[in-house]
Structures are given as structure tokens and as C-alpha cells.
PDB file of N, CA and C in Angstrom:
ATOM      1  N   MET A   1     -48.485 -36.720  40.415  1.00  0.00           N
ATOM      2  CA  MET A   1     -48.695 -35.996  40.114  1.00  0.00           C
ATOM      3  C   MET A   1     -47.465 -34.936  39.668  1.00  0.00           C
ATOM      4  N   TYR A   2     -47.442 -34.878  40.482  1.00  0.00           N
ATOM      5  CA  TYR A   2     -46.154 -34.020  41.250  1.00  0.00           C
ATOM      6  C   TYR A   2     -44.826 -34.471  40.078  1.00  0.00           C
ATOM      7  N   ARG A   3     -44.835 -36.253  39.739  1.00  0.00           N
ATOM      8  CA  ARG A   3     -43.541 -36.460  39.379  1.00  0.00           C
ATOM      9  C   ARG A   3     -44.111 -35.506  37.638  1.00  0.00           C
ATOM     10  N   ASP A   4     -45.273 -36.220  37.546  1.00  0.00           N
ATOM     11  CA  ASP A   4     -45.360 -35.593  35.851  1.00  0.00           C
ATOM     12  C   ASP A   4     -45.213 -34.281  35.527  1.00  0.00           C
ATOM     13  N   ASP A   5     -45.043 -32.962  36.667  1.00  0.00           N
ATOM     14  CA  ASP A   5     -44.922 -31.960  36.442  1.00  0.00           C
ATOM     15  C   ASP A   5     -44.017 -31.730  36.727  1.00  0.00           C
ATOM     16  N   GLU A   6     -42.583 -32.818  37.193  1.00  0.00           N
ATOM     17  CA  GLU A   6     -41.308 -32.554  36.969  1.00  0.00           C
ATOM     18  C   GLU A   6     -40.859 -33.366  35.678  1.00  0.00           C
ATOM     19  N   ALA A   7     -41.510 -33.747  34.958  1.00  0.00           N
ATOM     20  CA  ALA A   7     -41.428 -34.698  33.372  1.00  0.00           C
ATOM     21  C   ALA A   7     -41.437 -33.378  32.503  1.00  0.00           C
ATOM     22  N   ALA A   8     -42.468 -32.682  32.843  1.00  0.00           N
ATOM     23  CA  ALA A   8     -43.195 -31.987  31.746  1.00  0.00           C
ATOM     24  C   ALA A   8     -42.473 -30.686  32.057  1.00  0.00           C
ATOM     25  N   ARG A   9     -41.789 -30.105  33.025  1.00  0.00           N
ATOM     26  CA  ARG A   9     -40.854 -29.237  33.515  1.00  0.00           C
ATOM     27  C   ARG A   9     -39.587 -29.125  32.414  1.00  0.00           C
ATOM     28  N   ALA A  10     -38.896 -30.774  32.663  1.00  0.00           N
ATOM     29  CA  ALA A  10     -37.470 -31.340  32.119  1.00  0.00           C
ATOM     30  C   ALA A  10     -37.953 -31.022  30.603  1.00  0.00           C
ATOM     31  N   GLY A  11     -39.013 -31.750  30.504  1.00  0.00           N
ATOM     32  CA  GLY A  11     -39.164 -31.244  28.089  1.00  0.00           C
ATOM     33  C   GLY A  11     -39.628 -30.175  28.395  1.00  0.00           C
ATOM     34  N   LEU A  12     -40.044 -29.284  28.367  1.00  0.00           N
ATOM     35  CA  LEU A  12     -40.333 -27.960  28.169  1.00  0.00           C
ATOM     36  C   LEU A  12     -38.721 -27.415  28.625  1.00  0.00           C
ATOM     37  N   ALA A  13     -38.000 -27.388  29.492  1.00  0.00           N
ATOM     38  CA  ALA A  13     -36.482 -26.946  29.619  1.00  0.00           C
ATOM     39  C   ALA A  13     -35.834 -27.722  28.329  1.00  0.00           C
ATOM     40  N   ASN A  14     -36.120 -28.872  28.268  1.00  0.00           N
ATOM     41  CA  ASN A  14     -35.043 -29.484  27.015  1.00  0.00           C
ATOM     42  C   ASN A  14     -35.672 -28.290  25.497  1.00  0.00           C
ATOM     43  N   VAL A  15     -37.033 -28.380  25.143  1.00  0.00           N
ATOM     44  CA  VAL A  15     -37.328 -28.095  24.079  1.00  0.00           C
ATOM     45  C   VAL A  15     -36.950 -26.504  23.834  1.00  0.00           C
ATOM     46  N   LEU A  16     -36.990 -25.730  25.340  1.00  0.00           N
ATOM     47  CA  LEU A  16     -36.546 -24.128  25.446  1.00  0.00           C
ATOM     48  C   LEU A  16     -35.149 -24.124  24.733  1.00  0.00           C
ATOM     49  N   ILE A  17     -34.034 -25.200  25.265  1.00  0.00           N
ATOM     50  CA  ILE A  17     -32.483 -24.944  25.535  1.00  0.00           C
ATOM     51  C   ILE A  17     -32.229 -25.100  23.606  1.00  0.00           C
ATOM     52  N   ASP A  18     -33.002 -26.249  23.204  1.00  0.00           N
ATOM     53  CA  ASP A  18     -33.050 -26.502  21.915  1.00  0.00           C
ATOM     54  C   ASP A  18     -33.034 -25.268  20.800  1.00  0.00           C
ATOM     55  N   GLU A  19     -34.123 -24.471  21.352  1.00  0.00           N
ATOM     56  CA  GLU A  19     -34.712 -23.199  20.369  1.00  0.00           C
ATOM     57  C   GLU A  19     -33.682 -22.032  20.874  1.00  0.00           C
ATOM     58  N   ILE A  20     -33.001 -22.080  22.166  1.00  0.00           N
ATOM     59  CA  ILE A  20     -32.311 -20.726  22.449  1.00  0.00           C
ATOM     60  C   ILE A  20     -30.674 -21.141  21.430  1.00  0.00           C
ATOM     61  N   ALA A  21     -30.789 -22.599  21.275  1.00  0.00           N
ATOM     62  CA  ALA A  21     -29.129 -22.889  20.680  1.00  0.00           C
ATOM     63  C   ALA A  21     -29.096 -22.647  19.256  1.00  0.00           C
ATOM     64  N   GLU A  22     -30.849 -22.806  18.587  1.00  0.00           N
ATOM     65  CA  GLU A  22     -30.733 -22.536  17.287  1.00  0.00           C
ATOM     66  C   GLU A  22     -30.909 -20.708  17.212  1.00  0.00           C
ATOM     67  N   LEU A  23     -31.501 -20.481  18.233  1.00  0.00           N
ATOM     68  CA  LEU A  23     -31.466 -18.765  17.353  1.00  0.00           C
ATOM     69  C   LEU A  23     -29.834 -18.459  18.031  1.00  0.00           C
ATOM     70  N   GLU A  24     -28.744 -18.541  19.172  1.00  0.00           N
ATOM     71  CA  GLU A  24     -27.708 -18.748  18.567  1.00  0.00           C
ATOM     72  C   GLU A  24     -27.184 -18.704  17.543  1.00  0.00           C
ATOM     73  N   ARG A  25     -28.186 -19.805  16.980  1.00  0.00           N
ATOM     74  CA  ARG A  25     -26.724 -20.289  15.942  1.00  0.00           C
ATOM     75  C   ARG A  25     -27.182 -18.945  14.308  1.00  0.00           C
ATOM     76  N   GLN A  26     -28.198 -18.689  14.551  1.00  0.00           N
ATOM     77  CA  GLN A  26     -29.372 -18.114  13.650  1.00  0.00           C
ATOM     78  C   GLN A  26     -28.465 -16.767  13.793  1.00  0.00           C
ATOM     79  N   LYS A  27     -27.756 -16.176  15.178  1.00  0.00           N
ATOM     80  CA  LYS A  27     -27.631 -14.681  15.364  1.00  0.00           C
ATOM     81  C   LYS A  27     -25.994 -15.027  14.627  1.00  0.00           C
ATOM     82  N   VAL A  28     -25.413 -15.552  15.070  1.00  0.00           N
ATOM     83  CA  VAL A  28     -24.127 -15.813  14.763  1.00  0.00           C
ATOM     84  C   VAL A  28     -23.662 -15.387  13.107  1.00  0.00           C
ATOM     85  N   LYS A  29     -25.007 -16.321  12.449  1.00  0.00           N
ATOM     86  CA  LYS A  29     -24.789 -16.297  10.944  1.00  0.00           C
ATOM     87  C   LYS A  29     -25.438 -15.192  10.267  1.00  0.00           C
ATOM     88  N   GLN A  30     -26.306 -14.779  11.304  1.00  0.00           N
ATOM     89  CA  GLN A  30     -26.291 -13.343  11.013  1.00  0.00           C
ATOM     90  C   GLN A  30     -25.621 -12.074  10.737  1.00  0.00           C
ATOM     91  N   ALA A  31     -24.856 -12.431  12.355  1.00  0.00           N
ATOM     92  CA  ALA A  31     -23.575 -11.476  12.166  1.00  0.00           C
ATOM     93  C   ALA A  31     -22.727 -11.527  11.031  1.00  0.00           C
ATOM     94  N   THR A  32     -21.952 -12.927  10.703  1.00  0.00           N
ATOM     95  CA  THR A  32     -21.710 -13.277   9.392  1.00  0.00           C
ATOM     96  C   THR A  32     -21.538 -12.259   7.972  1.00  0.00           C
ATOM     97  N   ILE A  33     -23.396 -12.343   8.018  1.00  0.00           N
ATOM     98  CA  ILE A  33     -24.094 -11.957   6.957  1.00  0.00           C
ATOM     99  C   ILE A  33     -23.458 -10.396   6.925  1.00  0.00           C
ATOM    100  N   ASP A  34     -23.924  -9.545   7.852  1.00  0.00           N
ATOM    101  CA  ASP A  34     -23.582  -8.845   8.447  1.00  0.00           C
ATOM    102  C   ASP A  34     -22.416  -7.835   7.915  1.00  0.00           C
ATOM    103  N   GLN A  35     -21.266  -8.910   8.704  1.00  0.00           N
ATOM    104  CA  GLN A  35     -19.385  -8.359   8.122  1.00  0.00           C
ATOM    105  C   GLN A  35     -19.600  -8.255   6.590  1.00  0.00           C
ATOM    106  N   ARG A  36     -20.110  -8.842   5.714  1.00  0.00           N
ATOM    107  CA  ARG A  36     -19.810  -9.396   4.815  1.00  0.00           C
ATOM    108  C   ARG A  36     -20.867  -8.221   4.116  1.00  0.00           C
ATOM    109  N   LEU A  37     -21.959  -7.918   4.200  1.00  0.00           N
ATOM    110  CA  LEU A  37     -22.518  -6.824   3.614  1.00  0.00           C
ATOM    111  C   LEU A  37     -21.848  -5.580   3.602  1.00  0.00           C
ATOM    112  N   GLU A  38     -21.207  -5.051   5.132  1.00  0.00           N
ATOM    113  CA  GLU A  38     -20.674  -3.752   4.930  1.00  0.00           C
ATOM    114  C   GLU A  38     -19.310  -3.729   4.443  1.00  0.00           C
ATOM    115  N   SER A  39     -18.680  -4.997   4.237  1.00  0.00           N
ATOM    116  CA  SER A  39     -17.381  -5.218   3.390  1.00  0.00           C
ATOM    117  C   SER A  39     -17.698  -5.486   1.780  1.00  0.00           C
ATOM    118  N   ALA A  40     -19.009  -5.423   1.303  1.00  0.00           N
ATOM    119  CA  ALA A  40     -19.687  -5.451   0.118  1.00  0.00           C
ATOM    120  C   ALA A  40     -19.669  -3.964  -0.332  1.00  0.00           C
ATOM    121  N   LYS A  41     -20.445  -3.380   0.882  1.00  0.00           N
ATOM    122  CA  LYS A  41     -20.757  -1.591   0.783  1.00  0.00           C
ATOM    123  C   LYS A  41     -19.634  -1.110   0.370  1.00  0.00           C
ATOM    124  N   ARG A  42     -18.299  -0.650   0.999  1.00  0.00           N
ATOM    125  CA  ARG A  42     -17.131  -0.340   1.312  1.00  0.00           C
ATOM    126  C   ARG A  42     -16.292  -0.299   0.112  1.00  0.00           C
ATOM    127  N   GLU A  43     -16.218  -1.976  -0.673  1.00  0.00           N
ATOM    128  CA  GLU A  43     -15.707  -2.213  -1.640  1.00  0.00           C
ATOM    129  C   GLU A  43     -16.508  -1.370  -2.909  1.00  0.00           C
ATOM    130  N   LEU A  44     -17.674  -1.480  -2.909  1.00  0.00           N
ATOM    131  CA  LEU A  44     -18.795  -1.034  -3.601  1.00  0.00           C
ATOM    132  C   LEU A  44     -18.140   0.466  -3.628  1.00  0.00           C
ATOM    133  N   ALA A  45     -18.252   1.111  -2.708  1.00  0.00           N
ATOM    134  CA  ALA A  45     -17.690   2.641  -2.670  1.00  0.00           C
ATOM    135  C   ALA A  45     -16.847   2.461  -3.047  1.00  0.00           C
ATOM    136  N   THR A  46     -15.621   2.253  -2.652  1.00  0.00           N
ATOM    137  CA  THR A  46     -13.971   2.307  -3.607  1.00  0.00           C
ATOM    138  C   THR A  46     -14.227   2.613  -5.175  1.00  0.00           C
ATOM    139  N   LEU A  47     -14.754   1.178  -5.647  1.00  0.00           N
ATOM    140  CA  LEU A  47     -15.026   1.041  -7.050  1.00  0.00           C
ATOM    141  C   LEU A  47     -15.879   2.421  -7.402  1.00  0.00           C
ATOM    142  N   GLN A  48     -16.813   2.979  -6.978  1.00  0.00           N
ATOM    143  CA  GLN A  48     -17.443   4.494  -6.975  1.00  0.00           C
ATOM    144  C   GLN A  48     -16.741   5.742  -6.815  1.00  0.00           C
ATOM    145  N   SER A  49     -16.219   5.544  -6.166  1.00  0.00           N
ATOM    146  CA  SER A  49     -15.288   7.066  -5.569  1.00  0.00           C
ATOM    147  C   SER A  49     -14.745   7.481  -6.775  1.00  0.00           C
ATOM    148  N   PRO A  50     -14.632   8.646  -7.106  1.00  0.00           N
ATOM    149  CA  PRO A  50     -13.770   9.763  -8.230  1.00  0.00           C
ATOM    150  C   PRO A  50     -12.271   8.868  -8.235  1.00  0.00           C
ATOM    151  N   ALA A  51     -11.826   8.281  -9.394  1.00  0.00           N
ATOM    152  CA  ALA A  51     -10.304   7.960  -9.701  1.00  0.00           C
ATOM    153  C   ALA A  51      -9.576   8.755  -9.637  1.00  0.00           C
ATOM    154  N   SER A  52      -8.489   9.176  -8.698  1.00  0.00           N
ATOM    155  CA  SER A  52      -7.573  10.393  -8.806  1.00  0.00           C
ATOM    156  C   SER A  52      -7.160  10.864 -10.469  1.00  0.00           C
ATOM    157  N   PRO A  53      -6.684  11.725 -10.720  1.00  0.00           N
ATOM    158  CA  PRO A  53      -6.688  11.625 -11.810  1.00  0.00           C
ATOM    159  C   PRO A  53      -5.321  11.235 -12.512  1.00  0.00           C
ATOM    160  N   PRO A  54      -4.794  10.337 -13.245  1.00  0.00           N
ATOM    161  CA  PRO A  54      -3.686   9.873 -13.772  1.00  0.00           C
ATOM    162  C   PRO A  54      -2.562  11.071 -13.783  1.00  0.00           C
ATOM    163  N   VAL A  55      -1.662  10.788 -13.411  1.00  0.00           N
ATOM    164  CA  VAL A  55      -0.568  11.314 -12.985  1.00  0.00           C
ATOM    165  C   VAL A  55       0.333  11.752 -14.764  1.00  0.00           C
ATOM    166  N   LYS A  56       0.854  12.877 -14.808  1.00  0.00           N
ATOM    167  CA  LYS A  56       1.111  13.580 -16.108  1.00  0.00           C
ATOM    168  C   LYS A  56       2.531  13.019 -15.900  1.00  0.00           C
ATOM    169  N   ARG A  57       2.974  12.167 -17.186  1.00  0.00           N
ATOM    170  CA  ARG A  57       4.207  12.181 -16.961  1.00  0.00           C
ATOM    171  C   ARG A  57       5.366  12.851 -18.399  1.00  0.00           C
ATOM    172  N   PRO A  58       6.413  13.256 -18.325  1.00  0.00           N
ATOM    173  CA  PRO A  58       7.387  13.793 -19.460  1.00  0.00           C
ATOM    174  C   PRO A  58       6.823  13.370 -20.785  1.00  0.00           C
ATOM    175  N   GLY A  59       6.838  14.086 -21.731  1.00  0.00           N
ATOM    176  CA  GLY A  59       6.455  13.978 -22.905  1.00  0.00           C
ATOM    177  C   GLY A  59       8.227  13.741 -24.009  1.00  0.00           C
ATOM    178  N   LEU A  60       7.560  13.278 -24.863  1.00  0.00           N
ATOM    179  CA  LEU A  60       8.622  12.798 -25.510  1.00  0.00           C
ATOM    180  C   LEU A  60      10.012  14.115 -25.541  1.00  0.00           C
ATOM    181  N   VAL A  61       9.445  15.432 -25.730  1.00  0.00           N
ATOM    182  CA  VAL A  61      10.213  16.565 -26.079  1.00  0.00           C
ATOM    183  C   VAL A  61      10.750  16.594 -24.778  1.00  0.00           C
ATOM    184  N   THR A  62      10.502  16.833 -23.773  1.00  0.00           N
ATOM    185  CA  THR A  62      11.228  16.280 -22.368  1.00  0.00           C
ATOM    186  C   THR A  62      12.754  14.828 -22.922  1.00  0.00           C
ATOM    187  N   HIS A  63      12.255  14.317 -23.319  1.00  0.00           N
ATOM    188  CA  HIS A  63      13.435  12.812 -22.644  1.00  0.00           C
ATOM    189  C   HIS A  63      13.918  13.800 -23.624  1.00  0.00           C
ATOM    190  N   VAL A  64      13.976  13.948 -24.603  1.00  0.00           N
ATOM    191  CA  VAL A  64      14.645  14.686 -25.737  1.00  0.00           C
ATOM    192  C   VAL A  64      16.180  15.518 -25.218  1.00  0.00           C
ATOM    193  N   LEU A  65      15.855  16.996 -25.129  1.00  0.00           N
ATOM    194  CA  LEU A  65      15.736  17.484 -24.315  1.00  0.00           C
ATOM    195  C   LEU A  65      16.706  17.401 -22.643  1.00  0.00           C
ATOM    196  N   VAL A  66      16.379  16.518 -22.171  1.00  0.00           N
ATOM    197  CA  VAL A  66      17.284  16.119 -21.253  1.00  0.00           C
ATOM    198  C   VAL A  66      18.555  14.968 -21.745  1.00  0.00           C
ATOM    199  N   PHE A  67      18.343  14.341 -22.710  1.00  0.00           N
ATOM    200  CA  PHE A  67      19.416  13.084 -23.385  1.00  0.00           C
ATOM    201  C   PHE A  67      20.284  14.463 -24.257  1.00  0.00           C
ATOM    202  N   PHE A  68      20.021  15.533 -24.453  1.00  0.00           N
ATOM    203  CA  PHE A  68      20.622  16.226 -25.744  1.00  0.00           C
ATOM    204  C   PHE A  68      21.800  17.075 -24.604  1.00  0.00           C
ATOM    205  N   ALA A  69      21.115  17.834 -23.257  1.00  0.00           N
ATOM    206  CA  ALA A  69      21.856  17.929 -22.510  1.00  0.00           C
ATOM    207  C   ALA A  69      22.987  17.397 -21.862  1.00  0.00           C
ATOM    208  N   THR A  70      22.510  16.268 -21.609  1.00  0.00           N
ATOM    209  CA  THR A  70      23.266  15.154 -21.141  1.00  0.00           C
ATOM    210  C   THR A  70      24.562  15.071 -22.137  1.00  0.00           C
ATOM    211  N   ALA A  71      24.155  14.961 -23.332  1.00  0.00           N
ATOM    212  CA  ALA A  71      25.414  14.082 -24.082  1.00  0.00           C
ATOM    213  C   ALA A  71      26.453  15.586 -24.210  1.00  0.00           C
ATOM    214  N   GLY A  72      25.546  16.378 -24.471  1.00  0.00           N
ATOM    215  CA  GLY A  72      26.579  18.148 -23.875  1.00  0.00           C
ATOM    216  C   GLY A  72      27.140  18.192 -22.996  1.00  0.00           C
ATOM    217  N   SER A  73      26.742  17.949 -22.111  1.00  0.00           N
ATOM    218  CA  SER A  73      27.737  18.083 -20.441  1.00  0.00           C
ATOM    219  C   SER A  73      28.663  16.914 -20.827  1.00  0.00           C
ATOM    220  N   ALA A  74      28.211  15.769 -21.043  1.00  0.00           N
ATOM    221  CA  ALA A  74      29.622  14.601 -21.268  1.00  0.00           C
ATOM    222  C   ALA A  74      30.875  15.321 -22.499  1.00  0.00           C
ATOM    223  N   PHE A  75      30.108  15.942 -23.315  1.00  0.00           N
ATOM    224  CA  PHE A  75      30.976  16.400 -24.329  1.00  0.00           C
ATOM    225  C   PHE A  75      32.134  17.443 -24.019  1.00  0.00           C
ATOM    226  N   ALA A  76      31.053  18.322 -23.305  1.00  0.00           N
ATOM    227  CA  ALA A  76      31.856  19.199 -22.784  1.00  0.00           C
ATOM    228  C   ALA A  76      33.114  18.950 -21.650  1.00  0.00           C
ATOM    229  N   ALA A  77      32.866  18.174 -20.925  1.00  0.00           N
ATOM    230  CA  ALA A  77      33.650  17.564 -19.982  1.00  0.00           C
ATOM    231  C   ALA A  77      34.671  16.606 -21.071  1.00  0.00           C
ATOM    232  N   TYR A  78      34.272  15.473 -21.391  1.00  0.00           N
ATOM    233  CA  TYR A  78      35.314  15.324 -22.004  1.00  0.00           C
ATOM    234  C   TYR A  78      36.703  15.927 -23.186  1.00  0.00           C
ATOM    235  N   THR A  79      36.077  17.297 -23.297  1.00  0.00           N
ATOM    236  CA  THR A  79      36.061  18.279 -24.406  1.00  0.00           C
ATOM    237  C   THR A  79      37.023  18.920 -23.870  1.00  0.00           C
ATOM    238  N   LEU A  80      36.990  19.123 -22.526  1.00  0.00           N
ATOM    239  CA  LEU A  80      37.967  20.107 -21.349  1.00  0.00           C
ATOM    240  C   LEU A  80      38.940  19.611 -20.815  1.00  0.00           C
ATOM    241  N   LEU A  81      38.897  18.090 -20.240  1.00  0.00           N
ATOM    242  CA  LEU A  81      39.902  16.881 -19.784  1.00  0.00           C
ATOM    243  C   LEU A  81      40.591  16.210 -20.571  1.00  0.00           C
ATOM    244  N   PHE A  82      40.747  16.181 -21.832  1.00  0.00           N
ATOM    245  CA  PHE A  82      41.654  15.918 -22.990  1.00  0.00           C
ATOM    246  C   PHE A  82      41.405  16.552 -23.871  1.00  0.00           C
TER     247      PHE A  82
END
């Protein structure tokens, strides 16, 4: 009977080792899923956060004024030098 008890213990130990290995694999898969879930939540929060207002760029009037000021300065410099 002693040998049968050892065989039963060895069989039970193998079953438990296999079960632990399977549970560890599931644990790793769950950790991967949890990381992806957190990443998706952060990405969604980023997309839903209010965007900063667009930067106001100078209009046509400003460009025209700068052009005329530059042209006037160039004309004045040219006139004074020659």
C-alpha cells in the first residue's frame, strides 16, 4: 500500500503543477489585457479632453502692412544711399 500512496501523491503533484502552470499563464494574459485596457483608457481620455484653442494667426491686413513697411524701408534706404 505504501507504493500506491506514493504513486497517488506523485499523480496529484503532477496535476497540481499543471494547474499552477495554467493559472500562471492566465495571470500573464490578464496582466497584458489590463495594460492594454489602461492604455486604451488613457488614449480615450486624451481624445476627449478639450483641445487647446487654435493659435490665432495674423490676418491679411497685418501681412499687407508689414509688406508696405518693408517696401517703404527698402525704398528709403535705396533713396538715401544712391
